[in-house]
């Protein structure tokens, strides 16, 4: 299967040829397929063609007007809902099969990115963190390529930052990335040592303002909660309910479904997949029972995925999170790593609206194109 648009055919194929795989898929997901229709007035045809016509790398229209109008008039809508978490995504054939980004658009975005980064150096507080950022009550954790700072506007009681030495958040190698994670974990340990009631680490990297960062300078957020945060807790509860009602392991079955559908990949023993019900564009998930802050194979896999997003998929603004089990290791709960694309820096519209906040997630990117890029990129690293 090469597109999310083929999911209905794949579902039918599994039902007819592989009943156990089909049953597993339907045990976790509910799917619904419909066609949305509309009428394009003659006065709007030329503009519709201009908006949605396929183009070559130079921006020239290469798709027939008839084909474009056919795609617009009848749009396949795929609705996928995770029965256990309640997460739901809507895929539109017009969006999933839309033409690629034009080269001149990509060049404009790269130029804008360079100006954004270079223009933010002057007066940057994070370039001088010791002088221009607060510190935690126990002081700072100093890494080889990073340093911690208290968050001046805290998310929670224990809410701090890991500030990268490099101002450019997109310039980092494996050694530097590992240091960001190592410094984060040292902070988690220090907080838990001093305040043992706080035992649930949470790591989140909001890269660039479009992803929610208040500063361009490379940095991530680190938090310690007295209980898992609500979205993490919902996932924990879903996994527990699934195990109790089916007698099987939720995360294991979830990965298996994505593997059956061709939406998974692996690096050694580390497995990842493109989520069928993503929270936003291009969501990739890793479920690991090894500590990603310390395990070299896991954090190298995360690094490669992040670099693939930046270097191959040309994603410059993203969110990366790591949800963790309790520091006292009394719970059999895995580390959950999730990453999403937050959209082009040149777009003046938000990537989420009322539908995402109060309805269901509307997804533009085809997860099959994302997993293809990830597997190609990570496999090339092994050669």
Protein backbone atom coordinates (compact mmCIF):
# COMPACT_ATOMS: atom_id res chain seq x y z
CA UNK A 1 0.00 0.00 0.00
CA UNK A 2 1.47 3.37 -1.00
CA UNK A 3 -1.17 5.86 0.16
CA UNK A 4 -3.65 6.39 2.96
CA UNK A 5 -6.22 6.57 0.16
CA UNK A 6 -5.76 2.82 -0.35
CA UNK A 7 -6.69 1.97 3.25
CA UNK A 8 -10.20 0.84 2.33
CA UNK A 9 -8.79 -1.60 -0.26
CA UNK A 10 -6.24 -2.85 2.25
CA UNK A 11 -8.93 -3.37 4.86
CA UNK A 12 -10.98 -5.40 2.39
CA UNK A 13 -7.92 -7.42 1.38
CA UNK A 14 -7.14 -8.29 5.01
CA UNK A 15 -10.74 -9.26 5.67
CA UNK A 16 -10.64 -11.71 2.74
CA UNK A 17 -7.10 -13.11 3.13
CA UNK A 18 -5.82 -12.55 6.70
CA UNK A 19 -8.63 -12.70 9.21
CA UNK A 20 -6.42 -12.46 12.31
CA UNK A 21 -4.72 -9.27 11.06
CA UNK A 22 -8.06 -7.81 10.08
CA UNK A 23 -9.53 -8.59 13.51
CA UNK A 24 -6.54 -6.98 15.24
CA UNK A 25 -6.89 -3.86 13.09
CA UNK A 26 -10.62 -3.59 13.84
CA UNK A 27 -9.99 -4.32 17.52
CA UNK A 28 -8.14 -1.01 17.79
CA UNK A 29 -9.51 1.16 14.98
CA UNK A 30 -12.88 2.13 13.56
CA UNK A 31 -12.84 3.38 9.95
CA UNK A 32 -15.39 5.18 7.81
CA UNK A 33 -15.12 6.01 4.10
CA UNK A 34 -17.32 8.50 2.23
CA UNK A 35 -17.24 10.82 -0.81
CA UNK A 36 -17.78 14.54 -0.33
CA UNK A 37 -19.20 16.23 -3.44
CA UNK A 38 -19.55 19.82 -4.59
CA UNK A 39 -20.36 21.89 -7.66
CA UNK A 40 -17.80 24.36 -9.06
CA UNK A 41 -19.42 27.35 -10.82
CA UNK A 42 -18.01 28.27 -14.24
CA UNK A 43 -16.86 31.60 -12.84
CA UNK A 44 -14.60 29.81 -10.32
CA UNK A 45 -13.10 27.11 -12.57
CA UNK A 46 -9.98 29.02 -13.65
CA UNK A 47 -9.15 30.02 -10.07
CA UNK A 48 -9.74 26.47 -8.82
CA UNK A 49 -7.33 25.20 -11.48
CA UNK A 50 -4.77 27.80 -10.41
CA UNK A 51 -5.12 26.83 -6.73
CA UNK A 52 -5.02 23.05 -7.05
CA UNK A 53 -3.42 22.17 -10.38
CA UNK A 54 -0.33 19.98 -10.28
CA UNK A 55 2.91 21.83 -11.07
CA UNK A 56 6.48 20.99 -11.94
CA UNK A 57 9.48 22.07 -9.87
CA UNK A 58 9.47 25.47 -11.59
CA UNK A 59 5.85 26.13 -10.70
CA UNK A 60 4.34 25.53 -14.14
CA UNK A 61 0.91 23.89 -14.31
CA UNK A 62 1.22 20.39 -15.76
CA UNK A 63 -2.10 18.79 -14.80
CA UNK A 64 -5.17 18.94 -17.01
CA UNK A 65 -8.05 21.15 -15.94
CA UNK A 66 -10.42 18.20 -16.29
CA UNK A 67 -8.39 16.10 -13.85
CA UNK A 68 -8.16 18.93 -11.32
CA UNK A 69 -11.91 19.56 -11.38
CA UNK A 70 -12.56 15.85 -10.97
CA UNK A 71 -10.44 15.80 -7.80
CA UNK A 72 -12.25 18.85 -6.43
CA UNK A 73 -15.79 17.74 -7.22
CA UNK A 74 -15.45 14.35 -5.55
CA UNK A 75 -13.23 14.12 -2.50
CA UNK A 76 -12.73 10.87 -0.61
CA UNK A 77 -12.92 11.39 3.16
CA UNK A 78 -11.33 8.78 5.41
CA UNK A 79 -12.19 8.89 9.11
CA UNK A 80 -10.08 6.79 11.49
CA UNK A 81 -10.79 6.54 15.22
CA UNK A 82 -8.79 4.77 17.89
CA UNK A 83 -11.46 2.98 19.95
CA UNK A 84 -9.33 2.98 23.11
CA UNK A 85 -7.83 6.48 23.21
CA UNK A 86 -10.66 8.30 21.42
CA UNK A 87 -8.11 9.91 19.07
CA UNK A 88 -9.56 10.50 15.62
CA UNK A 89 -8.22 11.82 12.32
CA UNK A 90 -9.84 12.92 9.07
CA UNK A 91 -7.91 12.41 5.83
CA UNK A 92 -9.11 14.18 2.68
CA UNK A 93 -8.01 12.78 -0.69
CA UNK A 94 -7.63 16.32 -2.02
CA UNK A 95 -5.16 17.11 0.74
CA UNK A 96 -3.39 13.76 0.90
CA UNK A 97 -2.93 13.63 -2.88
CA UNK A 98 -2.22 17.29 -3.43
CA UNK A 99 0.76 18.42 -5.56
CA UNK A 100 4.12 18.88 -3.85
CA UNK A 101 5.52 22.17 -2.63
CA UNK A 102 7.08 24.21 -5.40
CA UNK A 103 10.82 24.72 -5.39
CA UNK A 104 10.59 28.52 -5.36
CA UNK A 105 8.39 28.25 -2.26
CA UNK A 106 11.00 26.08 -0.53
CA UNK A 107 13.74 28.57 -1.42
CA UNK A 108 11.68 31.41 0.08
CA UNK A 109 11.18 29.43 3.29
CA UNK A 110 14.90 28.67 3.65
CA UNK A 111 15.77 32.34 3.09
CA UNK A 112 13.17 33.37 5.65
CA UNK A 113 14.57 30.82 8.11
CA UNK A 114 18.10 32.16 7.72
CA UNK A 115 16.90 35.72 8.32
CA UNK A 116 14.85 34.64 11.35
CA UNK A 117 17.79 32.88 12.99
CA UNK A 118 20.46 35.50 12.21
CA UNK A 119 18.13 38.35 13.14
CA UNK A 120 17.40 36.86 16.56
CA UNK A 121 21.01 36.63 17.76
CA UNK A 122 21.31 40.27 18.83
CA UNK A 123 19.96 40.63 22.34
CA UNK A 124 19.24 36.90 22.71
CA UNK A 125 18.98 36.03 26.42
CA UNK A 126 19.70 32.37 25.78
CA UNK A 127 23.07 33.18 24.20
CA UNK A 128 24.11 34.30 27.70
CA UNK A 129 22.01 32.03 29.93
CA UNK A 130 23.98 32.45 33.16
CA UNK A 131 23.55 36.23 33.08
CA UNK A 132 20.10 36.43 31.49
CA UNK A 133 18.06 33.47 32.78
CA UNK A 134 16.99 32.39 36.29
CA UNK A 135 18.24 29.18 37.86
CA UNK A 136 16.52 26.49 39.90
CA UNK A 137 16.74 26.38 43.70
CA UNK A 138 19.45 23.71 43.43
CA UNK A 139 21.36 25.66 40.80
CA UNK A 140 22.05 24.61 37.22
CA UNK A 141 22.94 21.37 35.45
CA UNK A 142 25.83 21.98 33.08
CA UNK A 143 26.19 19.66 30.09
CA UNK A 144 28.91 19.62 27.46
CA UNK A 145 26.70 21.38 24.90
CA UNK A 146 23.83 22.70 27.02
CA UNK A 147 22.83 24.19 30.36
CA UNK A 148 19.62 24.28 32.41
CA UNK A 149 17.66 27.33 33.44
CA UNK A 150 14.47 27.78 35.42
CA UNK A 151 11.49 28.71 33.28
CA UNK A 152 10.70 32.31 34.15
CA UNK A 153 7.03 31.70 33.27
CA UNK A 154 6.55 28.18 34.63
CA UNK A 155 4.22 25.57 33.13
CA UNK A 156 4.15 23.74 36.47
CA UNK A 157 5.86 23.70 39.89
CA UNK A 158 8.93 22.04 38.39
CA UNK A 159 9.30 23.54 34.93
CA UNK A 160 12.69 24.41 33.48
CA UNK A 161 14.68 24.62 30.25
CA UNK A 162 17.65 22.96 28.65
CA UNK A 163 19.32 25.71 26.61
CA UNK A 164 21.54 24.58 23.74
CA UNK A 165 24.95 26.17 23.23
CA UNK A 166 24.13 26.61 19.55
CA UNK A 167 21.78 29.51 18.79
CA UNK A 168 20.54 27.82 15.61
CA UNK A 169 18.06 25.17 16.81
CA UNK A 170 18.42 23.17 13.59
CA UNK A 171 22.20 22.77 13.75
CA UNK A 172 23.14 19.85 15.98
CA UNK A 173 24.93 16.54 15.60
CA UNK A 174 24.41 13.24 17.43
CA UNK A 175 26.86 14.10 20.21
CA UNK A 176 25.09 17.41 20.89
CA UNK A 177 21.63 15.84 20.73
CA UNK A 178 22.64 13.15 23.21
CA UNK A 179 23.93 15.85 25.54
CA UNK A 180 20.57 17.66 25.45
CA UNK A 181 18.89 14.43 26.57
CA UNK A 182 21.59 13.59 29.14
CA UNK A 183 21.36 17.07 30.66
CA UNK A 184 17.57 16.74 30.80
CA UNK A 185 17.79 13.42 32.64
CA UNK A 186 20.32 14.80 35.12
CA UNK A 187 17.79 17.53 35.93
CA UNK A 188 15.02 14.94 36.36
CA UNK A 189 17.19 12.98 38.79
CA UNK A 190 18.09 16.10 40.79
CA UNK A 191 14.46 17.17 41.16
CA UNK A 192 13.36 13.67 42.17
CA UNK A 193 16.24 13.36 44.64
CA UNK A 194 15.26 16.63 46.35
CA UNK A 195 11.47 16.21 46.04
CA UNK A 196 10.61 12.52 45.72
CA UNK A 197 6.89 13.17 45.40
CA UNK A 198 7.67 14.60 41.94
CA UNK A 199 8.55 11.56 39.87
CA UNK A 200 7.05 11.81 36.36
CA UNK A 201 9.50 13.35 33.85
CA UNK A 202 8.20 15.04 30.72
CA UNK A 203 10.38 16.39 27.90
CA UNK A 204 9.14 18.61 25.10
CA UNK A 205 11.01 20.44 22.36
CA UNK A 206 9.07 23.22 20.65
CA UNK A 207 11.26 24.18 17.73
CA UNK A 208 10.81 27.78 16.52
CA UNK A 209 7.90 30.14 17.26
CA UNK A 210 5.41 28.38 14.98
CA UNK A 211 5.71 25.34 17.28
CA UNK A 212 5.18 27.45 20.41
CA UNK A 213 8.75 28.51 21.24
CA UNK A 214 9.10 31.97 22.77
CA UNK A 215 12.76 32.14 21.71
CA UNK A 216 14.43 31.15 18.43
CA UNK A 217 17.58 30.01 20.25
CA UNK A 218 17.67 26.21 20.57
CA UNK A 219 16.08 24.97 23.80
CA UNK A 220 13.65 22.42 25.17
CA UNK A 221 11.24 22.27 28.10
CA UNK A 222 11.72 19.81 30.99
CA UNK A 223 9.06 19.17 33.62
CA UNK A 224 8.52 16.90 36.61
CA UNK A 225 4.96 16.14 37.65
CA UNK A 226 3.52 14.55 40.77
CA UNK A 227 1.40 12.46 38.39
CA UNK A 228 1.37 11.90 34.62
CA UNK A 229 -0.01 14.81 32.61
CA UNK A 230 -3.59 14.34 31.44
CA UNK A 231 -2.91 13.25 27.85
CA UNK A 232 -0.27 10.80 29.05
CA UNK A 233 -2.64 9.50 31.72
CA UNK A 234 -5.35 8.99 29.09
CA UNK A 235 -2.92 6.85 27.11
CA UNK A 236 -1.94 4.87 30.22
CA UNK A 237 -5.59 4.24 31.03
CA UNK A 238 -6.34 3.20 27.45
CA UNK A 239 -3.47 0.68 27.53
CA UNK A 240 -4.67 -0.73 30.86
CA UNK A 241 -8.28 -1.02 29.67
CA UNK A 242 -7.14 -2.70 26.46
CA UNK A 243 -5.06 -5.26 28.36
CA UNK A 244 -7.87 -5.98 30.79
CA UNK A 245 -10.53 -6.43 28.08
CA UNK A 246 -8.50 -8.20 25.37
CA UNK A 247 -5.79 -9.99 27.37
CA UNK A 248 -3.18 -8.50 25.05
CA UNK A 249 -0.65 -5.65 25.23
CA UNK A 250 -1.90 -2.39 23.73
CA UNK A 251 1.39 -0.90 22.54
CA UNK A 252 2.57 -4.22 21.11
CA UNK A 253 -0.67 -4.64 19.15
CA UNK A 254 -0.68 -1.04 18.06
CA UNK A 255 2.78 -1.42 16.54
CA UNK A 256 1.77 -4.71 14.91
CA UNK A 257 -1.22 -3.06 13.18
CA UNK A 258 1.00 -0.33 11.77
CA UNK A 259 3.50 -2.97 10.66
CA UNK A 260 0.73 -4.91 8.86
CA UNK A 261 -0.33 -1.73 7.08
CA UNK A 262 3.23 -0.82 6.05
CA UNK A 263 3.47 2.21 8.33
CA UNK A 264 6.36 1.07 10.53
CA UNK A 265 10.13 0.95 10.55
CA UNK A 266 12.94 -0.06 12.89
CA UNK A 267 16.55 0.61 13.81
CA UNK A 268 17.98 -2.45 15.50
CA UNK A 269 15.46 -3.27 18.22
CA UNK A 270 13.94 0.22 18.21
CA UNK A 271 10.61 0.36 16.39
CA UNK A 272 8.74 3.41 15.14
CA UNK A 273 5.59 4.05 13.16
CA UNK A 274 3.55 6.83 11.55
CA UNK A 275 0.41 7.12 13.65
CA UNK A 276 -2.94 6.36 11.96
CA UNK A 277 -4.63 8.89 14.27
CA UNK A 278 -1.99 11.62 14.53
CA UNK A 279 -2.37 14.69 16.72
CA UNK A 280 -1.09 16.69 13.73
CA UNK A 281 0.91 16.38 10.53
CA UNK A 282 3.51 13.63 10.00
CA UNK A 283 3.26 12.25 13.53
CA UNK A 284 5.88 9.60 14.26
CA UNK A 285 5.82 7.50 17.43
CA UNK A 286 8.42 5.36 19.18
CA UNK A 287 7.39 3.05 22.00
CA UNK A 288 10.44 2.03 24.04
CA UNK A 289 11.06 0.12 27.25
CA UNK A 290 14.64 1.42 27.18
CA UNK A 291 15.38 4.86 28.61
CA UNK A 292 15.78 7.18 25.57
CA UNK A 293 17.77 9.68 27.64
CA UNK A 294 20.46 7.07 28.34
CA UNK A 295 20.13 4.26 25.79
CA UNK A 296 22.37 5.01 22.80
CA UNK A 297 20.36 3.01 20.26
CA UNK A 298 17.10 4.71 21.20
CA UNK A 299 18.43 8.25 21.30
CA UNK A 300 20.30 7.70 18.03
CA UNK A 301 17.05 6.59 16.41
CA UNK A 302 15.29 9.70 17.70
CA UNK A 303 18.16 11.82 16.40
CA UNK A 304 17.94 10.24 12.93
CA UNK A 305 14.19 10.77 12.78
CA UNK A 306 14.54 14.43 13.79
CA UNK A 307 17.31 14.94 11.23
CA UNK A 308 15.18 13.25 8.55
CA UNK A 309 12.38 15.67 9.31
CA UNK A 310 14.76 18.64 8.97
CA UNK A 311 17.06 17.49 6.15
CA UNK A 312 14.79 15.33 3.98
CA UNK A 313 11.21 16.32 4.73
CA UNK A 314 12.20 19.99 5.10
CA UNK A 315 10.34 20.38 8.38
CA UNK A 316 11.85 23.25 10.35
CA UNK A 317 9.21 23.80 13.00
CA UNK A 318 8.21 20.77 15.06
CA UNK A 319 7.22 19.42 18.45
CA UNK A 320 9.07 16.48 19.98
CA UNK A 321 7.90 14.99 23.28
CA UNK A 322 9.05 12.17 25.54
CA UNK A 323 6.59 10.83 28.12
CA UNK A 324 8.17 8.76 30.85
CA UNK A 325 7.25 6.19 33.51
CA UNK A 326 7.76 7.12 37.14
CA UNK A 327 11.35 7.61 38.30
CA UNK A 328 10.87 4.96 41.01
CA UNK A 329 10.26 2.31 38.27
CA UNK A 330 7.21 0.88 40.03
CA UNK A 331 5.07 0.97 36.87
CA UNK A 332 5.38 -1.13 33.73
CA UNK A 333 4.81 1.77 31.38
CA UNK A 334 6.99 2.47 28.35
CA UNK A 335 8.65 5.66 27.20
CA UNK A 336 6.55 7.25 24.47
CA UNK A 337 8.29 9.50 21.96
CA UNK A 338 6.11 11.54 19.60
CA UNK A 339 7.02 14.08 16.92
CA UNK A 340 4.89 16.25 14.65
CA UNK A 341 5.40 18.81 11.90
CA UNK A 342 3.96 22.26 12.73
CA UNK A 343 3.82 23.52 9.17
CA UNK A 344 5.58 26.00 6.92
CA UNK A 345 7.16 29.07 8.47
CA UNK A 346 5.76 31.16 5.60
CA UNK A 347 2.11 30.37 6.29
CA UNK A 348 0.23 33.17 8.00
CA UNK A 349 -2.55 30.82 9.12
CA UNK A 350 -2.37 28.64 12.23
CA UNK A 351 -1.98 24.90 11.70
CA UNK A 352 -4.84 24.17 14.08
CA UNK A 353 -8.27 25.72 14.39
CA UNK A 354 -11.60 25.09 16.03
CA UNK A 355 -11.94 21.69 14.37
CA UNK A 356 -8.72 20.42 15.97
CA UNK A 357 -9.50 22.01 19.34
CA UNK A 358 -13.11 20.90 19.65
CA UNK A 359 -13.80 18.38 16.87
CA UNK A 360 -11.33 15.97 15.25
CA UNK A 361 -7.87 16.38 13.80
CA UNK A 362 -7.83 17.20 10.08
CA UNK A 363 -4.67 15.83 8.44
CA UNK A 364 -3.13 17.03 5.20
CA UNK A 365 -0.05 14.78 4.94
CA UNK A 366 -0.17 11.18 3.78
CA UNK A 367 1.54 8.99 6.45
CA UNK A 368 2.74 6.59 3.74
CA UNK A 369 4.87 9.32 2.20
CA UNK A 370 6.32 10.10 5.61
CA UNK A 371 7.22 6.49 6.48
CA UNK A 372 8.79 6.05 3.04
CA UNK A 373 11.08 9.02 3.64
CA UNK A 374 11.94 7.87 7.15
CA UNK A 375 12.79 4.31 6.13
CA UNK A 376 14.81 5.46 3.15
CA UNK A 377 16.74 7.96 5.24
CA UNK A 378 17.43 5.64 8.16
CA UNK A 379 18.33 2.68 5.93
CA UNK A 380 20.80 4.86 4.01
CA UNK A 381 22.52 5.63 7.32
CA UNK A 382 23.28 1.93 7.71
CA UNK A 383 25.10 1.63 4.38
